[in-house]
C-alpha cells in the first residue's frame, strides 16, 4: 500500500478476497457441522413434537451465531496480521 490513504495493490486485494472466501467457507462448514450435531437427531428419529421443534430452532440459532463469530474472528485476525507492530523494522531482534 502506498503511504497513508493510498490505493491497495492487486496483491492486497487478492489476499483480502481469498481471506473473505476462506472465512465464509470455513464458517459455513462449521455452522453445518454444529447444526447437524444439534438438530440431526430431530431430523433422523421420531421425537416428540416439542423436542423436535426446540432442537431444530436451537440448531438454527447456534449455527447462525457460530457463522457470524467465525467470519468476524477470521477477518479480524487477518487484519491484525497484516499490520506490522513496528513498521520499518524487519529483523526479529530489532
Protein backbone atom coordinates (compact mmCIF):
# COMPACT_ATOMS: atom_id res chain seq x y z
CA UNK A 1 0.00 0.00 0.00
CA UNK A 2 1.26 3.45 -0.79
CA UNK A 3 1.57 5.84 2.14
CA UNK A 4 -1.44 6.52 4.31
CA UNK A 5 -4.65 6.74 2.34
CA UNK A 6 -3.06 5.22 -0.76
CA UNK A 7 -4.69 2.68 -3.01
CA UNK A 8 -4.32 -1.04 -2.41
CA UNK A 9 -2.27 -3.05 -4.83
CA UNK A 10 -3.60 -6.05 -6.73
CA UNK A 11 -1.84 -8.47 -4.38
CA UNK A 12 -3.52 -6.94 -1.32
CA UNK A 13 -6.94 -7.02 -2.99
CA UNK A 14 -6.39 -10.66 -3.94
CA UNK A 15 -5.32 -11.53 -0.39
CA UNK A 16 -8.42 -9.87 1.03
CA UNK A 17 -10.66 -11.70 -1.45
CA UNK A 18 -9.11 -15.06 -0.59
CA UNK A 19 -9.42 -14.37 3.13
CA UNK A 20 -13.09 -13.42 2.80
CA UNK A 21 -13.73 -16.60 0.82
CA UNK A 22 -11.93 -18.68 3.44
CA UNK A 23 -13.88 -17.01 6.24
CA UNK A 24 -17.22 -17.67 4.56
CA UNK A 25 -16.46 -21.28 3.59
CA UNK A 26 -15.00 -22.27 6.94
CA UNK A 27 -17.88 -20.57 8.76
CA UNK A 28 -20.46 -22.35 6.60
CA UNK A 29 -18.79 -25.71 7.23
CA UNK A 30 -18.56 -25.15 10.99
CA UNK A 31 -22.20 -23.99 11.14
CA UNK A 32 -23.36 -27.02 9.15
CA UNK A 33 -21.50 -29.40 11.46
CA UNK A 34 -22.94 -27.72 14.55
CA UNK A 35 -26.45 -27.75 13.09
CA UNK A 36 -26.09 -31.43 12.24
CA UNK A 37 -24.90 -32.24 15.74
CA UNK A 38 -27.70 -30.33 17.47
CA UNK A 39 -30.64 -30.83 15.10
CA UNK A 40 -29.55 -34.09 13.47
CA UNK A 41 -31.30 -36.38 15.93
CA UNK A 42 -34.56 -34.48 15.41
CA UNK A 43 -34.24 -35.00 11.66
CA UNK A 44 -33.29 -38.68 11.87
CA UNK A 45 -35.50 -40.01 14.64
CA UNK A 46 -39.16 -39.70 15.54
CA UNK A 47 -39.06 -37.46 18.59
CA UNK A 48 -41.91 -35.69 20.40
CA UNK A 49 -43.00 -32.54 18.57
CA UNK A 50 -41.81 -30.18 21.29
CA UNK A 51 -38.35 -31.73 21.46
CA UNK A 52 -38.11 -31.72 17.66
CA UNK A 53 -39.04 -28.03 17.35
CA UNK A 54 -36.75 -26.95 20.18
CA UNK A 55 -33.87 -28.95 18.73
CA UNK A 56 -34.32 -27.51 15.23
CA UNK A 57 -34.64 -23.93 16.46
CA UNK A 58 -31.68 -24.29 18.80
CA UNK A 59 -29.60 -25.73 15.97
CA UNK A 60 -30.53 -22.87 13.65
CA UNK A 61 -29.78 -20.18 16.22
CA UNK A 62 -26.47 -21.70 17.30
CA UNK A 63 -25.40 -22.28 13.69
CA UNK A 64 -26.16 -18.66 12.79
CA UNK A 65 -24.27 -17.34 15.80
CA UNK A 66 -21.29 -19.60 15.08
CA UNK A 67 -21.27 -18.49 11.43
CA UNK A 68 -21.08 -14.80 12.36
CA UNK A 69 -18.49 -15.34 15.11
CA UNK A 70 -16.28 -17.41 12.79
CA UNK A 71 -16.38 -14.89 9.94
CA UNK A 72 -15.62 -11.98 12.27
CA UNK A 73 -12.79 -13.79 14.06
CA UNK A 74 -11.08 -14.84 10.82
CA UNK A 75 -11.30 -11.36 9.31
CA UNK A 76 -10.14 -9.62 12.50
CA UNK A 77 -7.18 -11.99 12.77
CA UNK A 78 -6.30 -11.30 9.11
CA UNK A 79 -6.48 -7.55 9.65
CA UNK A 80 -4.25 -7.71 12.73
CA UNK A 81 -1.71 -9.93 10.97
CA UNK A 82 -1.41 -7.56 8.02
CA UNK A 83 -0.43 -4.58 10.17
CA UNK A 84 3.14 -4.72 11.47
CA UNK A 85 3.58 -3.70 15.07
CA UNK A 86 6.71 -1.67 14.30
CA UNK A 87 6.75 -0.50 10.67
CA UNK A 88 10.16 -0.34 9.09
CA UNK A 89 11.76 -2.96 11.30
CA UNK A 90 12.46 -6.19 9.51
CA UNK A 91 14.79 -8.12 11.81
CA UNK A 92 13.15 -10.18 14.60
CA UNK A 93 15.65 -8.92 17.18
CA UNK A 94 15.16 -5.21 16.36
